[in-house]
Protein backbone atom coordinates (compact mmCIF):
# COMPACT_ATOMS: atom_id res chain seq x y z
CA MET A 1 6.04 0.20 22.65
CA THR A 2 8.35 1.28 19.80
CA PRO A 3 6.44 2.26 16.64
CA LEU A 4 7.10 -0.02 13.77
CA LEU A 5 7.47 3.15 11.50
CA GLU A 6 7.77 6.66 12.60
CA LEU A 7 8.00 9.98 10.62
CA SER A 8 8.96 12.97 12.62
CA PHE A 9 8.84 16.42 10.79
CA ALA A 10 10.02 14.54 7.78
CA THR A 11 10.23 16.82 4.81
CA THR A 12 11.45 16.65 1.24
CA ARG A 13 11.40 18.64 -1.89
CA LEU A 14 10.78 17.71 -5.55
CA GLY A 15 11.50 20.68 -7.87
CA GLN A 16 9.93 23.78 -6.38
CA GLN A 17 7.43 21.90 -4.23
CA TYR A 18 7.93 20.98 -0.65
CA PHE A 19 6.31 17.93 0.87
CA GLY A 20 5.80 17.71 4.52
CA PRO A 21 6.60 18.02 7.42
CA PHE A 22 4.90 14.66 7.93
CA ASN A 23 4.37 13.51 11.56
CA LEU A 24 2.80 10.03 12.14
CA GLN A 25 3.43 6.61 13.78
CA VAL A 26 2.44 3.20 12.51
CA ALA A 27 2.11 0.17 14.84
CA ALA A 28 2.58 -3.50 13.74
CA GLY A 29 -0.77 -4.90 12.43
CA GLU A 30 -2.35 -1.54 11.46
CA ARG A 31 -4.00 -1.21 8.10
CA ILE A 32 -3.68 2.25 6.65
CA ALA A 33 -4.91 3.90 3.45
CA ILE A 34 -3.32 7.00 1.98
CA LEU A 35 -5.96 9.08 -0.04
CA GLY A 36 -5.89 12.35 -1.79
CA PRO A 37 -6.36 14.06 -5.11
CA SER A 38 -3.97 13.31 -8.09
CA GLY A 39 -0.64 15.07 -7.47
CA ALA A 40 -1.26 15.57 -3.75
CA GLY A 41 1.96 13.91 -2.70
CA LYS A 42 0.62 10.36 -1.76
CA SER A 43 3.47 8.64 -3.61
CA THR A 44 6.01 11.05 -2.27
CA LEU A 45 4.95 10.15 1.21
CA LEU A 46 5.05 6.50 0.47
CA LYS A 47 8.53 6.85 -1.16
CA LEU A 48 9.72 8.55 2.21
CA MET A 49 8.31 5.56 4.12
CA ALA A 50 10.06 3.11 1.62
CA ARG A 51 13.58 4.92 1.60
CA GLU A 52 13.20 5.78 -2.05
CA LEU A 53 13.44 9.30 -1.00
CA ARG A 54 15.45 10.53 1.89
CA PRO A 55 14.11 13.43 4.02
CA GLN A 56 15.92 16.63 3.71
CA ALA A 57 14.75 17.52 7.18
CA GLY A 58 13.30 15.52 10.00
CA LYS A 59 13.62 11.83 10.38
CA VAL A 60 12.16 8.46 9.44
CA LEU A 61 12.57 5.58 11.72
CA PHE A 62 11.86 1.81 11.23
CA ALA A 63 11.55 -0.35 14.36
CA GLY A 64 13.29 2.57 16.24
CA ARG A 65 16.25 2.85 13.93
CA PRO A 66 16.90 5.35 11.26
CA LEU A 67 15.50 3.91 8.00
CA ALA A 68 18.58 5.01 6.16
CA GLN A 69 20.87 2.94 8.51
CA TRP A 70 19.26 -0.36 7.70
CA PRO A 71 21.20 -2.56 5.36
CA LEU A 72 19.06 -3.28 2.34
CA ALA A 73 19.28 -7.15 2.63
CA GLU A 74 18.09 -6.76 6.32
CA LEU A 75 15.40 -4.42 5.41
CA ALA A 76 14.15 -6.73 2.71
CA LEU A 77 13.41 -9.31 5.43
CA ARG A 78 11.11 -6.88 7.29
CA ARG A 79 9.63 -4.53 4.62
CA ALA A 80 8.17 -5.18 1.25
CA LEU A 81 7.31 -2.51 -1.31
CA LEU A 82 4.90 -2.72 -4.47
CA PRO A 83 5.24 0.52 -6.34
CA GLN A 84 2.92 1.70 -8.94
CA GLY A 85 3.52 0.10 -12.33
CA SER A 86 5.97 -2.64 -11.25
CA ASN A 87 7.42 -3.39 -14.77
CA VAL A 88 10.03 -6.16 -15.55
CA ALA A 89 12.45 -5.51 -18.26
CA PHE A 90 12.45 -9.13 -19.56
CA GLY A 91 9.97 -11.84 -20.29
CA LEU A 92 10.53 -13.57 -17.03
CA LEU A 93 8.34 -16.53 -16.00
CA SER A 94 5.90 -15.59 -13.33
CA ASP A 95 7.40 -18.19 -10.97
CA LEU A 96 10.76 -16.33 -11.12
CA VAL A 97 9.11 -12.99 -10.45
CA ILE A 98 7.29 -14.23 -7.40
CA GLY A 99 10.60 -15.92 -6.32
CA LEU A 100 12.38 -12.53 -6.51
CA GLY A 101 10.66 -11.63 -3.32
CA ARG A 102 12.90 -14.24 -1.54
CA VAL A 103 16.38 -13.08 -2.84
CA ALA A 104 17.57 -11.73 0.47
CA ARG A 105 17.59 -15.32 1.98
CA LEU A 106 20.84 -16.98 1.33
CA VAL A 107 19.26 -20.48 2.07
CA ASP A 108 15.71 -20.84 1.16
CA PRO A 109 14.58 -24.63 1.20
CA GLN A 110 10.82 -23.70 1.07
CA LEU A 111 11.15 -21.48 -1.97
CA GLU A 112 9.06 -23.54 -4.30
CA ARG A 113 6.27 -24.18 -1.89
CA ILE A 114 6.07 -20.64 -0.81
CA VAL A 115 5.91 -19.40 -4.47
CA GLN A 116 2.92 -21.82 -5.11
CA GLU A 117 1.10 -20.65 -1.83
CA ALA A 118 1.82 -17.02 -2.53
CA ALA A 119 0.38 -17.30 -5.97
CA ALA A 120 -2.74 -19.10 -4.69
CA LEU A 121 -3.25 -16.32 -2.25
CA ALA A 122 -3.04 -13.77 -4.89
CA HIS A 123 -5.49 -15.76 -7.13
CA ALA A 124 -2.56 -16.23 -9.64
CA THR A 125 -2.03 -20.02 -9.61
CA HIS A 126 -3.25 -20.29 -13.24
CA LEU A 127 -0.47 -17.73 -14.11
CA LEU A 128 2.48 -19.93 -13.01
CA GLY A 129 4.64 -20.86 -15.84
CA ARG A 130 3.77 -18.06 -18.10
CA ARG A 131 5.85 -15.12 -19.16
CA LEU A 132 5.12 -11.81 -17.54
CA ASP A 133 5.12 -9.84 -20.76
CA SER A 134 2.37 -12.20 -22.21
CA MET A 135 -0.08 -11.04 -19.41
CA SER A 136 -2.61 -8.25 -19.04
CA GLY A 137 -2.09 -5.56 -16.66
CA GLY A 138 -4.39 -7.21 -14.08
CA GLU A 139 -2.62 -10.51 -14.41
CA GLN A 140 0.68 -8.84 -13.93
CA ALA A 141 -0.62 -7.05 -10.83
CA ARG A 142 -1.63 -10.38 -9.32
CA VAL A 143 1.79 -11.84 -9.89
CA GLN A 144 3.45 -8.77 -8.30
CA LEU A 145 1.26 -9.06 -5.33
CA ALA A 146 2.26 -12.63 -5.08
CA ARG A 147 5.86 -11.53 -4.91
CA ILE A 148 5.10 -9.39 -1.95
CA PHE A 149 3.38 -12.24 -0.21
CA ALA A 150 6.38 -14.49 -0.94
CA GLN A 151 8.76 -11.90 0.56
CA MET A 152 6.84 -11.57 3.83
CA TRP A 153 5.63 -15.15 3.95
CA ASP A 154 7.63 -16.38 6.98
CA VAL A 155 8.25 -13.22 9.02
CA GLU A 156 6.15 -11.31 11.64
CA GLY A 157 5.51 -7.77 12.42
CA GLY A 158 6.73 -6.39 9.18
CA LEU A 159 5.66 -3.58 6.91
CA ILE A 160 3.97 -3.74 3.43
CA LEU A 161 3.77 -0.70 1.26
CA VAL A 162 1.71 -0.78 -1.83
CA ASP A 163 0.89 2.01 -4.41
CA GLU A 164 -2.60 1.63 -6.12
CA PRO A 165 -2.48 -2.21 -5.94
CA LEU A 166 -6.06 -2.56 -7.29
CA ALA A 167 -5.97 -0.12 -10.22
CA ALA A 168 -5.73 -2.84 -13.10
CA LEU A 169 -8.31 -5.17 -11.54
CA ASP A 170 -12.02 -5.80 -12.09
CA PRO A 171 -14.28 -5.13 -9.20
CA GLY A 172 -14.55 -8.81 -8.04
CA LEU A 173 -10.84 -9.34 -7.99
CA GLN A 174 -10.37 -5.99 -6.18
CA PHE A 175 -12.43 -7.36 -3.22
CA ASP A 176 -10.86 -10.81 -3.44
CA LEU A 177 -7.33 -9.33 -3.23
CA LEU A 178 -8.24 -6.93 -0.39
CA ASP A 179 -9.40 -9.91 1.50
CA SER A 180 -6.26 -11.83 0.75
CA LEU A 181 -4.03 -8.88 1.76
CA GLU A 182 -6.12 -8.43 5.08
CA GLN A 183 -5.85 -12.19 6.02
CA PHE A 184 -2.19 -12.30 5.12
CA CYS A 185 -1.23 -9.29 7.26
CA ALA A 186 -3.42 -10.29 10.12
CA ALA A 187 -2.05 -13.74 10.38
CA ARG A 188 1.46 -12.42 10.62
CA GLY A 189 0.94 -9.16 12.36
CA HIS A 190 2.19 -7.10 9.33
CA ALA A 191 1.25 -3.49 9.04
CA VAL A 192 -0.01 -2.52 5.56
CA ILE A 193 0.01 1.00 4.06
CA ALA A 194 -1.74 1.59 0.73
CA ILE A 195 -2.22 4.31 -1.61
CA LEU A 196 -5.83 4.02 -2.97
CA HIS A 197 -8.16 6.01 -5.17
CA ASP A 198 -11.43 4.26 -4.18
CA ILE A 199 -12.89 5.69 -1.03
CA ASN A 200 -15.13 2.57 -0.37
CA HIS A 201 -12.09 0.34 -0.65
CA ALA A 202 -10.47 2.47 2.02
CA LEU A 203 -13.56 2.54 4.38
CA LEU A 204 -14.20 -1.28 3.95
CA GLY A 205 -10.61 -2.70 4.10
CA PHE A 206 -8.61 -0.28 6.42
CA ASP A 207 -8.65 0.97 9.92
CA ARG A 208 -7.06 4.33 9.44
CA LEU A 209 -6.97 7.02 6.82
CA LEU A 210 -4.08 9.50 5.96
CA LEU A 211 -5.52 12.44 3.93
CA VAL A 212 -2.87 14.22 1.76
CA ARG A 213 -3.40 17.41 -0.16
CA SER A 214 -0.89 19.90 -1.65
CA GLY A 215 1.98 18.03 -0.18
CA GLN A 216 0.61 18.08 3.44
CA LEU A 217 -0.91 15.54 5.65
CA THR A 218 -4.18 17.22 6.32
CA ALA A 219 -5.85 14.49 8.45
CA ASP A 220 -5.07 11.21 10.19
CA ILE A 221 -8.50 9.71 11.11
CA PRO A 222 -10.26 6.49 11.68
CA ALA A 223 -11.83 4.69 8.57
CA ASN A 224 -15.49 5.05 9.55
CA ALA A 225 -18.52 7.08 8.81
CA ASP A 226 -17.11 10.10 10.68
CA ALA A 227 -14.51 10.41 8.04
CA VAL A 228 -17.03 11.11 5.25
CA PRO A 229 -17.02 14.90 5.74
CA ALA A 230 -13.25 15.13 5.65
CA LEU A 231 -13.21 13.01 2.56
CA ALA A 232 -15.78 15.16 0.83
CA ALA A 233 -13.74 18.22 1.56
CA LEU A 234 -10.52 16.50 0.43
CA TYR A 235 -11.84 15.93 -3.01
CA GLY A 236 -14.26 18.76 -3.31
CA ILE A 237 -17.18 16.40 -3.95
CA ALA A 238 -20.49 15.65 -2.29
CA LEU A 239 -20.67 12.24 -0.53
CA THR A 240 -23.95 10.36 0.19
CA THR A 241 -23.66 7.53 2.72
CA ALA A 242 -25.26 4.10 2.86
CA THR A 243 -25.00 1.28 5.12
CA SER A 244 -24.86 -2.24 3.86
CA SER A 245 -26.73 -5.19 5.39
CA ASP A 246 -23.58 -6.22 7.33
CA GLY A 247 -23.13 -2.76 8.74
CA HIS A 248 -20.33 -1.38 6.57
CA VAL A 249 -20.45 2.24 5.32
CA CYS A 250 -20.41 2.92 1.75
CA VAL A 251 -20.25 6.27 0.02
CA ILE A 252 -21.79 7.45 -3.37
CA PRO A 253 -19.86 10.38 -4.73
CA ALA A 254 -21.37 13.36 -6.76
CA ARG A 255 -19.97 16.42 -8.15
CA SER A 256 -20.70 19.40 -5.75
CA ALA A 257 -22.39 22.61 -6.84
CA VAL A 258 -19.12 24.56 -5.83
CA ARG A 259 -17.05 22.21 -8.06
CA ARG A 260 -19.45 22.46 -10.98
CA ALA A 261 -19.24 26.33 -10.62
CA ALA A 262 -15.44 26.24 -10.71
């Protein structure tokens, strides 16, 4: 089957640093987390996937077609992007921000219903009717996630790209929204690729890990206990593992002796 997304020797350059070549394939329905130290190139890789950056060498294909050849309106019906810090310039009402996910549709009779249901899925119903600039960072994050849900609500087999979607949220909401994202994508066959900083979120909520360091993809591995040594090496920390009552593997990080000496 044709991969939903494919990067083949995709390379770019920002200033004096080269990123790539990246080689990977993503199938519909996969849940993939991108992990790596700060400045490793995680957001650069996501921008290549999103067409915010074009490869200087190699290729990026979406549904078997060069990503650069997709008309933006057509692409918006198959792929949604939630960048880090999705700021809105004006004090728009949250309903309008969520509805912006639907702008590629010329006729949208279900807009009001989808906005309401997308807000509920993002635990943001109580935020409807409020100005975005009156909200906390965590409240804004929920509204922006609802916008992504609205955009991909009535399509199947699409791609959702998110950059640190949980950063401004309390621990309870982080798990609630991970569950919402998982349920939403599973019901529609969407693939989701998320940049994360929390190793446990990656192990609990995703199937596959892309490990990035110094602009390179250093590993592409399943999200299970076998990934722990690679994660420890990626961050230069010691990781102790524990298994929860439901069988999920959790890790407890500690600064390693090598890192302390450095």
